[in-house]
Amino acid sequence: MVSNRSLACVAAALALPSCGLSDSPAVLDGSNEVLVAGEVQTDRGIVIGHSDGTITSFLGVPYAAPPVGALRWKAPVPPTAWTTPLDAAAFGPACAQSAGGLDQNGPFSEDCLTVNVWTPNPTASAALPVMVFVHGGAFVHGGSNSPTYDGRTLATAGAVVVTMNYRLGVFGFLAHPALTAEDAHHSSGNAGLLDQQAALRWVQTNITGFGGDPLRVTVFGESAGAMSVCAHIASPLAAGLFQRALGESGSCLMFSTPLASAETLGNSVAGALGCNTDADPLACMRSKTADEVIAAAPGSEDPATAGIRLWPNIDGYVLPEPPAAAFAAGRINPLAAFLGGINRDESTLFTRMMTIDTQADYEAAVARLVPAHTAEALALYPVAHYSSFKDAYGALLTDAVFACPTRAQTQVLAARGTPSYLYHFDRATVFGTATGLGVYHGSELEFVFGNLTVRSGTAAAARAFSAQIRGYWNRFAATGSPNGAGATSWPPRTATSDAYLSLNDSSVAASGFHAATCDVIETWHTVP
């Protein structure tokens, strides 16, 4: 088995029917942008959109009540309705989190459960495909207010793009016996997943008014976001909330933490807060400030672990069983189509902070990652086949955590009749080339959203590649197939052939996705 502790270290381095648009007077802010574009009636009140002349945005729209006070650690509940139109001009704050994450963008607050919508045609009759994004950040960091995730460019192809915030770390994934006891379903520790499902439920209720089709919803995510997408496929509570799914660099097949173990960890947090001996530990815990709660999270002072042990658990309600078992047995929500893949050099972002300079370092790192299969792993990834000990370990890490679970997930779905498409992202960014990180974890995101920077590169080739990727993603959301528009044909994955598309400036179809190593790793029972 791949150890949860090792995976923690890996991920921590990162992770009423709505009505149509009614016209409102346009207002200019002095920057040549049309601000007030119109109003959409949601189930909780009117929201005012803002347009650049092509795409209308609605930012910071509450989909749940602030999870503060007595609602801290509880399942999300609908927000209070508003009677004055809500000016949806700015992102809401990212959810409260510890410092040290990649691509963090403040401010931060526990009052953070909002969605953002970009639409090219905010009228109820448009019926455009909908793309709902779940951000990554190892379940402890990140937020929908990152410039990388601005949905304006992605929406220009004719889709409604939605991003969301969800509770993170000790606020989103803390289980505790008292929390379990107070919950009607005897569940705790999966509030972050319940937030995501509440956002998807908001989409089903309201997206028609923004021009979207609730019967053509694709949920997609990266890293912890992709793991979350996978978890929703396995969660009965998410049935009917989306029709297609897309995962970038992440799978939930590794989730196996039982509720009891998660509660033990929660007890340690309560202890650090001085609440375990209190007559009412939950009242005590809820009386603490957000900063105090964050400081009590395990590993929050250690950048190598960063509290990633606080991630989804098998609570019997949100996740009735380990997702690997659910996928293998077919106890999953039906999907019209699935697309998923990995980046070529997933591991470099994590191994750059590790000391693996000797054979002893290498053996120790492998033993931490796959304690039950150390000897097999050392034989499968002999140092002589790589340029360094660190590169050998990185190859194992990429396969065990990313490639093999993704390959297995698409194989299971394909075998059950779901059209499935597998990719290998092979194009380095300017930053990846300059730093030696190559095609590192998360480097596809700027191309997917079309928000190119000096990090990704902004030259003509980068812009053309971004257009290619957005074309595949948009067509998948619209039709269930990435193919069309003269692009390189993407072969579907089948039950017996792991066909995939190598995504580069000149993308090419191939087969044998990490086959030599994953054929072995899959016998270790880390994937179904």
Protein backbone atom coordinates (compact mmCIF):
# COMPACT_ATOMS: atom_id res chain seq x y z
CA MET A 1 0.00 0.00 0.00
CA VAL A 2 1.08 3.57 -0.58
CA SER A 3 1.13 5.07 2.90
CA ASN A 4 -1.22 7.95 3.71
CA ARG A 5 1.60 9.66 5.59
CA SER A 6 3.78 9.59 2.48
CA LEU A 7 0.96 10.84 0.32
CA ALA A 8 0.48 13.61 2.86
CA CYS A 9 4.03 14.79 2.35
CA VAL A 10 3.57 14.69 -1.41
CA ALA A 11 0.35 16.66 -1.51
CA ALA A 12 1.39 19.18 1.10
CA ALA A 13 3.94 20.74 -1.17
CA LEU A 14 1.37 22.06 -3.30
CA ALA A 15 -3.43 20.71 -3.34
CA LEU A 16 -36.27 28.19 -6.63
CA PRO A 17 -35.71 27.79 -10.44
CA SER A 18 -33.76 30.75 -11.60
CA CYS A 19 -35.15 33.22 -14.07
CA GLY A 20 -33.54 34.82 -17.06
CA LEU A 21 -31.58 38.01 -17.42
CA SER A 22 -33.37 41.32 -17.16
CA ASP A 23 -31.75 44.36 -18.71
CA SER A 24 -30.18 46.98 -16.49
CA PRO A 25 -28.51 50.26 -17.46
CA ALA A 26 -24.83 49.91 -18.26
CA VAL A 27 -22.46 51.74 -15.97
CA LEU A 28 -18.85 52.58 -16.77
CA ASP A 29 -16.10 52.61 -14.16
CA GLY A 30 -13.63 54.75 -16.09
CA SER A 31 -11.58 51.77 -17.32
CA ASN A 32 -13.61 51.24 -20.52
CA GLU A 33 -15.24 48.15 -19.07
CA VAL A 34 -19.00 47.84 -19.03
CA LEU A 35 -19.80 47.09 -15.40
CA VAL A 36 -23.48 46.51 -14.77
CA ALA A 37 -24.63 44.08 -17.44
CA GLY A 38 -27.89 42.82 -16.05
CA GLU A 39 -29.62 40.98 -13.28
CA VAL A 40 -30.27 37.28 -12.73
CA GLN A 41 -32.84 36.04 -10.25
CA THR A 42 -31.45 33.21 -8.14
CA ASP A 43 -33.29 31.19 -5.52
CA ARG A 44 -31.94 33.55 -2.84
CA GLY A 45 -32.16 36.90 -4.57
CA ILE A 46 -31.11 39.00 -7.54
CA VAL A 47 -27.44 39.19 -8.51
CA ILE A 48 -26.01 41.93 -10.70
CA GLY A 49 -23.50 40.88 -13.34
CA HIS A 50 -20.59 42.77 -14.89
CA SER A 51 -19.49 42.53 -18.52
CA ASP A 52 -16.44 43.29 -20.63
CA GLY A 53 -18.64 43.30 -23.72
CA THR A 54 -18.12 39.59 -24.41
CA ILE A 55 -18.34 37.72 -21.11
CA THR A 56 -20.52 38.59 -18.14
CA SER A 57 -19.19 37.71 -14.72
CA PHE A 58 -20.99 37.19 -11.42
CA LEU A 59 -18.44 36.96 -8.62
CA GLY A 60 -18.69 36.11 -4.94
CA VAL A 61 -22.26 34.77 -4.99
CA PRO A 62 -23.10 32.92 -1.74
CA TYR A 63 -24.19 29.31 -2.20
CA ALA A 64 -24.30 28.52 1.54
CA ALA A 65 -24.52 30.36 4.82
CA PRO A 66 -21.24 31.42 6.45
CA PRO A 67 -19.98 28.30 8.29
CA VAL A 68 -19.09 30.19 11.45
CA GLY A 69 -20.10 30.04 15.09
CA ALA A 70 -22.51 27.16 15.66
CA LEU A 71 -22.20 26.21 11.95
CA ARG A 72 -18.43 25.62 12.11
CA TRP A 73 -17.79 21.98 11.06
CA LYS A 74 -21.46 21.38 10.24
CA ALA A 75 -22.85 20.48 6.82
CA PRO A 76 -23.53 23.58 4.70
CA VAL A 77 -26.98 25.16 4.87
CA PRO A 78 -28.57 27.56 2.36
CA PRO A 79 -27.72 31.24 2.76
CA THR A 80 -30.22 33.77 4.01
CA ALA A 81 -32.12 35.33 1.13
CA TRP A 82 -31.30 38.93 0.27
CA THR A 83 -33.89 41.54 -0.68
CA THR A 84 -31.57 44.13 -2.24
CA PRO A 85 -29.85 43.07 -5.49
CA LEU A 86 -26.37 41.72 -4.80
CA ASP A 87 -23.62 43.47 -6.74
CA ALA A 88 -21.51 40.50 -7.84
CA ALA A 89 -18.48 42.60 -8.74
CA ALA A 90 -15.72 41.02 -6.66
CA PHE A 91 -14.52 37.63 -5.51
CA GLY A 92 -15.32 36.58 -1.99
CA PRO A 93 -12.40 35.74 0.28
CA ALA A 94 -10.67 32.40 0.03
CA CYS A 95 -11.44 29.96 2.81
CA ALA A 96 -9.37 30.21 5.99
CA GLN A 97 -6.07 28.34 5.68
CA SER A 98 -2.53 28.16 6.93
CA ALA A 99 0.25 30.10 5.25
CA GLY A 100 2.73 28.52 2.88
CA GLY A 101 0.60 27.20 0.05
CA LEU A 102 1.33 27.71 -3.63
CA ASP A 103 -0.70 30.28 -5.53
CA GLN A 104 -2.47 31.56 -2.41
CA ASN A 105 -4.47 34.73 -2.96
CA GLY A 106 -6.00 36.53 0.04
CA PRO A 107 -7.94 37.75 1.82
CA PHE A 108 -8.93 34.66 3.82
CA SER A 109 -12.00 34.05 5.96
CA GLU A 110 -14.22 31.33 7.36
CA ASP A 111 -17.08 33.21 5.63
CA CYS A 112 -16.06 31.97 2.21
CA LEU A 113 -18.72 29.73 0.63
CA THR A 114 -19.23 31.50 -2.68
CA VAL A 115 -19.30 30.68 -6.38
CA ASN A 116 -18.22 32.68 -9.41
CA VAL A 117 -19.90 32.48 -12.82
CA TRP A 118 -18.68 33.58 -16.25
CA THR A 119 -21.13 33.36 -19.13
CA PRO A 120 -21.12 34.51 -22.76
CA ASN A 121 -24.91 34.61 -22.88
CA PRO A 122 -26.71 35.18 -19.58
CA THR A 123 -30.22 34.39 -20.78
CA ALA A 124 -32.38 31.52 -19.63
CA SER A 125 -32.86 30.26 -23.19
CA ALA A 126 -29.15 29.85 -24.01
CA ALA A 127 -28.74 26.29 -22.60
CA LEU A 128 -24.93 26.33 -22.82
CA PRO A 129 -22.73 23.56 -21.42
CA VAL A 130 -21.55 24.21 -17.87
CA MET A 131 -18.02 23.66 -16.55
CA VAL A 132 -17.71 23.64 -12.74
CA PHE A 133 -14.13 23.78 -11.43
CA VAL A 134 -12.84 22.53 -8.06
CA HIS A 135 -9.46 24.02 -7.17
CA GLY A 136 -6.53 22.06 -5.82
CA GLY A 137 -4.14 22.77 -2.97
CA ALA A 138 -3.82 19.46 -1.10
CA PHE A 139 -7.17 20.08 0.65
CA VAL A 140 -5.47 22.69 2.82
CA HIS A 141 -4.70 25.63 0.52
CA GLY A 142 -6.04 27.60 -2.44
CA GLY A 143 -9.17 29.43 -3.47
CA SER A 144 -11.28 30.38 -6.44
CA ASN A 145 -9.94 33.94 -6.37
CA SER A 146 -6.61 32.91 -7.90
CA PRO A 147 -6.00 34.73 -11.20
CA THR A 148 -5.15 31.36 -12.73
CA TYR A 149 -8.77 30.23 -12.38
CA ASP A 150 -10.44 33.28 -13.93
CA GLY A 151 -13.04 31.69 -16.21
CA ARG A 152 -13.43 34.51 -18.70
CA THR A 153 -11.25 33.08 -21.49
CA LEU A 154 -12.48 29.51 -21.06
CA ALA A 155 -16.08 30.77 -21.34
CA THR A 156 -15.48 32.47 -24.70
CA ALA A 157 -15.83 29.13 -26.50
CA GLY A 158 -19.48 29.00 -25.48
CA ALA A 159 -19.58 27.53 -22.01
CA VAL A 160 -20.74 28.78 -18.64
CA VAL A 161 -17.78 28.46 -16.26
CA VAL A 162 -18.26 28.19 -12.50
CA THR A 163 -15.61 28.14 -9.78
CA MET A 164 -16.14 27.65 -6.04
CA ASN A 165 -14.62 27.93 -2.62
CA TYR A 166 -14.94 25.10 -0.12
CA ARG A 167 -13.75 24.66 3.44
CA LEU A 168 -10.14 23.55 3.72
CA GLY A 169 -7.88 21.76 6.16
CA VAL A 170 -8.96 21.79 9.77
CA PHE A 171 -12.24 23.55 8.89
CA GLY A 172 -13.19 21.29 5.99
CA PHE A 173 -11.91 17.86 7.00
CA LEU A 174 -11.83 17.66 10.79
CA ALA A 175 -13.61 14.64 12.26
CA HIS A 176 -14.29 14.35 15.98
CA PRO A 177 -16.42 11.94 18.05
CA ALA A 178 -18.59 14.80 19.30
CA LEU A 179 -19.09 16.09 15.75
CA THR A 180 -20.09 12.60 14.65
CA ALA A 181 -22.50 12.29 17.59
CA GLU A 182 -24.26 15.58 16.86
CA ASP A 183 -24.67 14.83 13.14
CA ALA A 184 -27.96 13.28 12.03
CA HIS A 185 -26.03 10.90 9.76
CA HIS A 186 -23.28 10.12 12.27
CA SER A 187 -20.73 11.60 9.95
CA SER A 188 -17.93 14.12 10.38
CA GLY A 189 -14.77 15.18 8.63
CA ASN A 190 -16.10 15.63 5.10
CA ALA A 191 -17.54 19.15 5.32
CA GLY A 192 -15.34 20.25 2.41
CA LEU A 193 -16.86 17.62 0.12
CA LEU A 194 -20.35 18.56 1.31
CA ASP A 195 -19.54 22.19 0.44
CA GLN A 196 -18.61 21.16 -3.09
CA GLN A 197 -21.84 19.20 -3.43
CA ALA A 198 -23.80 22.21 -2.15
CA ALA A 199 -22.14 24.33 -4.84
CA LEU A 200 -23.07 21.73 -7.47
CA ARG A 201 -26.62 21.74 -6.11
CA TRP A 202 -26.65 25.55 -6.44
CA VAL A 203 -25.66 25.08 -10.09
CA GLN A 204 -28.53 22.66 -10.68
CA THR A 205 -31.00 25.12 -9.13
CA ASN A 206 -29.75 28.38 -10.61
CA ILE A 207 -27.55 27.93 -13.67
CA THR A 208 -30.40 28.19 -16.22
CA GLY A 209 -30.72 31.90 -15.45
CA PHE A 210 -27.04 32.38 -16.29
CA GLY A 211 -27.42 30.70 -19.67
CA GLY A 212 -26.37 27.22 -18.60
CA ASP A 213 -27.90 23.80 -19.14
CA PRO A 214 -28.24 21.86 -15.86
CA LEU A 215 -28.33 18.63 -17.88
CA ARG A 216 -24.88 19.31 -19.37
CA VAL A 217 -22.74 19.92 -16.30
CA THR A 218 -19.10 18.87 -16.32
CA VAL A 219 -17.33 18.95 -12.96
CA PHE A 220 -13.57 19.25 -13.30
CA GLY A 221 -10.70 19.79 -10.94
CA GLU A 222 -6.94 19.63 -10.48
CA SER A 223 -4.92 17.80 -7.81
CA ALA A 224 -7.08 17.77 -4.66
CA GLY A 225 -9.83 19.11 -6.93
CA ALA A 226 -9.46 16.06 -9.19
CA MET A 227 -9.49 13.78 -6.16
CA SER A 228 -12.70 15.52 -5.11
CA VAL A 229 -14.26 15.00 -8.55
CA CYS A 230 -13.46 11.30 -8.25
CA ALA A 231 -14.96 11.23 -4.74
CA HIS A 232 -18.21 12.72 -6.02
CA ILE A 233 -18.43 9.96 -8.61
CA ALA A 234 -18.30 7.54 -5.67
CA SER A 235 -20.58 9.52 -3.32
CA PRO A 236 -24.31 8.67 -3.46
CA LEU A 237 -25.04 12.22 -2.28
CA ALA A 238 -23.72 13.62 -5.57
CA ALA A 239 -26.06 11.60 -7.80
CA GLY A 240 -27.57 13.75 -10.52
CA LEU A 241 -25.43 16.81 -9.78
CA PHE A 242 -23.29 16.44 -12.94
CA GLN A 243 -23.21 14.38 -16.10
CA ARG A 244 -19.52 14.47 -17.09
CA ALA A 245 -16.33 14.58 -15.09
CA LEU A 246 -12.74 15.58 -15.78
CA GLY A 247 -9.78 15.05 -13.47
CA GLU A 248 -6.38 16.69 -13.83
CA SER A 249 -3.61 15.01 -11.84
CA GLY A 250 -5.53 13.30 -9.08
CA SER A 251 -7.64 10.29 -8.16
CA CYS A 252 -9.61 9.33 -5.04
CA LEU A 253 -8.70 5.64 -5.25
CA MET A 254 -6.18 6.22 -2.45
CA PHE A 255 -8.80 7.41 0.06
CA SER A 256 -9.07 4.76 2.76
CA THR A 257 -8.93 6.56 6.12
CA PRO A 258 -11.70 5.18 8.36
CA LEU A 259 -13.83 7.61 10.34
CA ALA A 260 -12.44 6.29 13.64
CA SER A 261 -8.89 7.16 12.58
CA ALA A 262 -9.98 10.59 11.46
CA GLU A 263 -11.70 11.10 14.81
CA THR A 264 -8.48 10.21 16.61
CA LEU A 265 -6.72 12.94 14.71
CA GLY A 266 -9.59 15.30 15.56
CA ASN A 267 -9.13 14.48 19.24
CA SER A 268 -5.53 15.62 18.97
CA VAL A 269 -6.66 18.92 17.48
CA ALA A 270 -9.20 19.35 20.27
CA GLY A 271 -6.43 18.62 22.74
CA ALA A 272 -4.17 21.23 21.20
CA LEU A 273 -7.03 23.70 21.57
CA GLY A 274 -7.42 22.78 25.23
CA CYS A 275 -10.94 21.48 24.66
CA ASN A 276 -10.75 17.72 25.21
CA THR A 277 -11.46 17.95 28.91
CA ASP A 278 -14.15 20.59 28.54
CA ALA A 279 -17.70 19.59 29.45
CA ASP A 280 -18.77 20.65 25.95
CA PRO A 281 -15.74 20.19 23.69
CA LEU A 282 -17.56 21.43 20.57
CA ALA A 283 -18.63 24.66 22.21
CA CYS A 284 -15.05 25.12 23.33
CA MET A 285 -13.65 24.40 19.86
CA ARG A 286 -16.20 26.71 18.24
CA SER A 287 -15.27 29.50 20.62
CA LYS A 288 -11.70 29.59 19.30
CA THR A 289 -10.58 32.03 16.65
CA ALA A 290 -9.79 30.83 13.14
CA ASP A 291 -6.09 31.46 13.76
CA GLU A 292 -6.17 29.39 16.93
CA VAL A 293 -7.84 26.51 15.11
CA ILE A 294 -5.32 26.67 12.26
CA ALA A 295 -2.42 26.67 14.71
CA ALA A 296 -3.80 23.50 16.31
CA ALA A 297 -3.90 21.61 13.02
CA PRO A 298 -1.35 18.78 12.80
CA GLY A 299 1.75 19.77 10.94
CA SER A 300 0.64 23.34 10.41
CA GLU A 301 4.09 24.53 11.47
CA ASP A 302 5.84 22.01 9.24
CA PRO A 303 5.90 22.79 5.50
CA ALA A 304 6.72 19.14 4.77
CA THR A 305 3.37 17.92 6.12
CA ALA A 306 1.14 21.03 6.28
CA GLY A 307 -1.83 19.25 7.82
CA ILE A 308 -2.64 17.15 4.74
CA ARG A 309 -3.70 14.30 7.04
CA LEU A 310 -6.93 16.28 7.23
CA TRP A 311 -8.49 14.96 4.03
CA PRO A 312 -11.67 12.99 3.17
CA ASN A 313 -12.45 9.97 5.29
CA ILE A 314 -14.70 6.94 4.84
CA ASP A 315 -17.55 8.16 7.03
CA GLY A 316 -20.34 5.83 5.84
CA TYR A 317 -22.40 8.74 4.53
CA VAL A 318 -20.57 11.04 2.14
CA LEU A 319 -18.25 8.16 1.30
CA PRO A 320 -19.97 4.90 2.32
CA GLU A 321 -16.88 2.84 1.43
CA PRO A 322 -13.37 3.35 0.09
CA PRO A 323 -13.70 4.75 -3.44
CA ALA A 324 -11.45 2.00 -4.84
CA ALA A 325 -13.97 -0.58 -3.67
CA ALA A 326 -16.90 1.47 -4.94
CA PHE A 327 -15.31 1.83 -8.39
CA ALA A 328 -14.35 -1.84 -8.59
CA ALA A 329 -17.87 -2.97 -7.67
CA GLY A 330 -19.63 -0.40 -9.84
CA ARG A 331 -21.27 1.29 -6.87
CA ILE A 332 -20.73 4.73 -8.39
CA ASN A 333 -22.86 7.44 -9.95
CA PRO A 334 -23.53 7.03 -13.67
CA LEU A 335 -21.43 9.23 -15.94
CA ALA A 336 -22.01 10.23 -19.55
CA ALA A 337 -18.25 10.55 -20.08
CA PHE A 338 -14.94 10.92 -18.22
CA LEU A 339 -11.62 12.53 -19.16
CA GLY A 340 -8.52 12.45 -17.02
CA GLY A 341 -4.76 12.40 -17.05
CA ILE A 342 -1.48 13.50 -15.57
CA ASN A 343 1.52 15.71 -16.27
CA ARG A 344 4.78 14.15 -17.35
CA ASP A 345 6.84 15.33 -14.37
CA GLU A 346 4.28 15.38 -11.54
CA SER A 347 6.84 14.61 -8.88
CA THR A 348 9.38 17.38 -9.42
CA LEU A 349 7.39 19.96 -7.50
CA PHE A 350 7.61 17.70 -4.43
CA THR A 351 11.04 16.10 -4.71
CA ARG A 352 12.77 19.47 -5.13
CA MET A 353 12.49 19.92 -1.35
CA MET A 354 13.72 16.42 -0.53
CA THR A 355 17.24 15.19 0.14
CA ILE A 356 17.72 12.01 -1.87
CA ASP A 357 21.42 11.96 -2.67
CA THR A 358 22.51 8.46 -1.69
CA GLN A 359 21.33 4.88 -1.97
CA ALA A 360 20.35 5.01 1.70
CA ASP A 361 18.31 8.17 1.12
CA TYR A 362 16.61 6.53 -1.83
CA GLU A 363 15.76 3.32 0.03
CA ALA A 364 14.42 5.25 3.00
CA ALA A 365 12.20 7.44 0.78
CA VAL A 366 10.83 4.40 -1.05
CA ALA A 367 10.15 2.64 2.26
CA ARG A 368 8.13 5.62 3.45
CA LEU A 369 6.09 5.75 0.25
CA VAL A 370 5.41 2.02 -0.25
CA PRO A 371 6.33 0.32 3.03
CA ALA A 372 4.73 -2.99 2.07
CA HIS A 373 6.45 -3.14 -1.33
CA THR A 374 9.85 -1.53 -0.83
CA ALA A 375 11.91 -4.32 -2.38
CA GLU A 376 9.65 -4.58 -5.43
CA ALA A 377 9.76 -0.82 -5.94
CA LEU A 378 13.55 -0.67 -5.74
CA ALA A 379 13.73 -3.42 -8.35
CA LEU A 380 11.13 -1.73 -10.58
CA TYR A 381 12.91 1.63 -10.45
CA PRO A 382 16.65 0.78 -10.41
CA VAL A 383 18.83 3.85 -9.98
CA ALA A 384 20.97 2.78 -12.93
CA HIS A 385 18.05 3.61 -15.25
CA TYR A 386 17.86 7.23 -14.06
CA SER A 387 20.17 10.22 -13.88
CA SER A 388 20.00 10.43 -10.09
CA PHE A 389 18.56 8.87 -6.96
CA LYS A 390 16.03 11.68 -6.81
CA ASP A 391 14.90 11.06 -10.40
CA ALA A 392 14.42 7.36 -9.67
CA TYR A 393 12.28 8.19 -6.66
CA GLY A 394 10.42 10.82 -8.66
CA ALA A 395 9.49 8.23 -11.30
CA LEU A 396 8.03 5.97 -8.60
CA LEU A 397 6.22 8.88 -7.00
CA THR A 398 4.67 9.99 -10.29
CA ASP A 399 3.44 6.48 -11.02
CA ALA A 400 2.24 5.45 -7.56
CA VAL A 401 0.41 8.67 -6.73
CA PHE A 402 -0.74 9.96 -10.13
CA ALA A 403 -0.32 7.76 -13.21
CA CYS A 404 -1.42 4.35 -11.96
CA PRO A 405 -4.52 5.47 -10.01
CA THR A 406 -5.61 7.60 -12.98
CA ARG A 407 -5.00 4.74 -15.41
CA ALA A 408 -6.98 2.35 -13.16
CA GLN A 409 -9.84 4.81 -12.72
CA THR A 410 -10.29 5.27 -16.46
CA GLN A 411 -10.00 1.52 -17.02
CA VAL A 412 -12.78 0.75 -14.53
CA LEU A 413 -15.05 3.41 -16.04
CA ALA A 414 -14.35 2.26 -19.60
CA ALA A 415 -15.03 -1.36 -18.65
CA ARG A 416 -18.44 -0.29 -17.33
CA GLY A 417 -19.34 1.46 -20.58
CA THR A 418 -18.45 5.06 -19.77
CA PRO A 419 -16.68 6.76 -22.69
CA SER A 420 -13.31 7.59 -21.15
CA TYR A 421 -10.35 9.59 -22.40
CA LEU A 422 -6.85 9.51 -20.97
CA TYR A 423 -4.11 12.10 -21.45
CA HIS A 424 -0.43 12.65 -20.79
CA PHE A 425 0.41 16.36 -20.60
CA ASP A 426 3.88 16.71 -22.12
CA ARG A 427 4.44 20.43 -22.72
CA ALA A 428 6.76 22.32 -20.41
CA THR A 429 6.16 25.91 -19.42
CA VAL A 430 8.82 28.59 -19.60
CA PHE A 431 9.18 28.30 -15.84
CA GLY A 432 9.38 24.52 -15.94
CA THR A 433 12.14 24.61 -18.52
CA ALA A 434 14.12 27.33 -16.74
CA THR A 435 13.98 25.62 -13.35
CA GLY A 436 14.43 22.02 -14.44
CA LEU A 437 11.00 21.13 -13.07
CA GLY A 438 9.83 20.12 -16.53
CA VAL A 439 6.11 19.45 -16.87
CA TYR A 440 5.48 19.83 -13.17
CA HIS A 441 2.30 19.32 -11.15
CA GLY A 442 -0.25 22.00 -11.99
CA SER A 443 1.62 23.43 -14.98
CA GLU A 444 -1.32 22.72 -17.31
CA LEU A 445 -3.69 25.08 -15.50
CA GLU A 446 -2.73 28.36 -17.18
CA PHE A 447 -3.18 26.68 -20.57
CA VAL A 448 -6.54 25.15 -19.59
CA PHE A 449 -7.96 28.49 -18.44
CA GLY A 450 -6.12 30.53 -21.09
CA ASN A 451 -4.66 32.90 -18.50
CA LEU A 452 -1.09 32.87 -19.77
CA THR A 453 1.70 34.60 -17.85
CA VAL A 454 5.49 34.78 -17.98
CA ARG A 455 5.42 31.53 -15.99
CA SER A 456 3.60 29.60 -18.71
CA GLY A 457 4.89 31.68 -21.62
CA THR A 458 2.87 34.05 -23.75
CA ALA A 459 4.44 33.59 -27.19
CA ALA A 460 2.39 32.53 -30.21
CA ALA A 461 3.16 28.83 -29.64
CA ALA A 462 1.91 29.01 -26.06
CA ARG A 463 -1.26 30.80 -27.14
CA ALA A 464 -1.90 28.22 -29.86
CA PHE A 465 -1.33 25.36 -27.42
CA SER A 466 -3.71 26.91 -24.90
CA ALA A 467 -6.36 27.22 -27.62
CA GLN A 468 -5.83 23.53 -28.47
CA ILE A 469 -6.30 22.42 -24.85
CA ARG A 470 -9.30 24.66 -24.27
CA GLY A 471 -10.82 23.26 -27.46
CA TYR A 472 -10.52 19.69 -26.17
CA TRP A 473 -11.91 20.61 -22.74
CA ASN A 474 -14.78 22.70 -24.17
CA ARG A 475 -15.82 20.03 -26.70
CA PHE A 476 -15.79 17.41 -23.98
CA ALA A 477 -18.06 19.58 -21.85
CA ALA A 478 -20.38 20.25 -24.77
CA THR A 479 -20.63 16.78 -26.31
CA GLY A 480 -18.90 14.22 -24.08
CA SER A 481 -16.08 13.82 -26.60
CA PRO A 482 -12.97 16.02 -26.91
CA ASN A 483 -12.79 15.34 -30.65
CA GLY A 484 -13.70 17.66 -33.50
CA ALA A 485 -12.75 20.99 -35.08
CA GLY A 486 -9.87 19.38 -36.97
CA ALA A 487 -7.87 18.61 -33.84
CA THR A 488 -5.73 15.49 -33.51
CA SER A 489 -8.11 12.59 -32.94
CA TRP A 490 -8.20 11.47 -29.31
CA PRO A 491 -8.82 7.70 -29.03
CA PRO A 492 -11.08 6.58 -26.19
CA ARG A 493 -9.72 4.39 -23.45
CA THR A 494 -11.14 0.86 -23.53
CA ALA A 495 -11.29 -1.94 -21.00
CA THR A 496 -8.31 -3.65 -22.61
CA SER A 497 -6.33 -0.87 -24.31
CA ASP A 498 -4.94 2.12 -22.44
CA ALA A 499 -4.98 4.45 -25.42
CA TYR A 500 -4.26 8.09 -24.61
CA LEU A 501 -3.33 11.42 -26.13
CA SER A 502 0.06 12.98 -25.55
CA LEU A 503 -0.73 16.69 -25.26
CA ASN A 504 1.94 18.91 -26.76
CA ASP A 505 2.19 21.56 -29.46
CA SER A 506 1.67 18.70 -31.90
CA SER A 507 -0.43 16.25 -29.91
CA VAL A 508 -0.21 12.58 -30.84
CA ALA A 509 -2.26 9.49 -29.97
CA ALA A 510 -0.44 6.64 -28.27
CA SER A 511 -1.03 3.55 -26.16
CA GLY A 512 0.64 1.81 -23.22
CA PHE A 513 0.13 4.54 -20.62
CA HIS A 514 2.91 3.88 -18.05
CA ALA A 515 2.14 0.23 -18.73
CA ALA A 516 5.45 -1.40 -17.74
CA THR A 517 5.38 0.04 -14.25
CA CYS A 518 1.65 0.38 -13.58
CA ASP A 519 1.03 -3.25 -14.54
CA VAL A 520 3.22 -4.11 -11.56
CA ILE A 521 2.06 -1.41 -9.17
CA GLU A 522 -1.57 -2.36 -9.69
CA THR A 523 -0.77 -5.81 -8.26
CA TRP A 524 0.18 -4.07 -5.00
CA HIS A 525 -3.52 -3.35 -4.44
CA THR A 526 -2.99 0.39 -4.22
CA VAL A 527 -5.58 0.64 -7.01
CA PRO A 528 -8.46 -1.72 -7.93
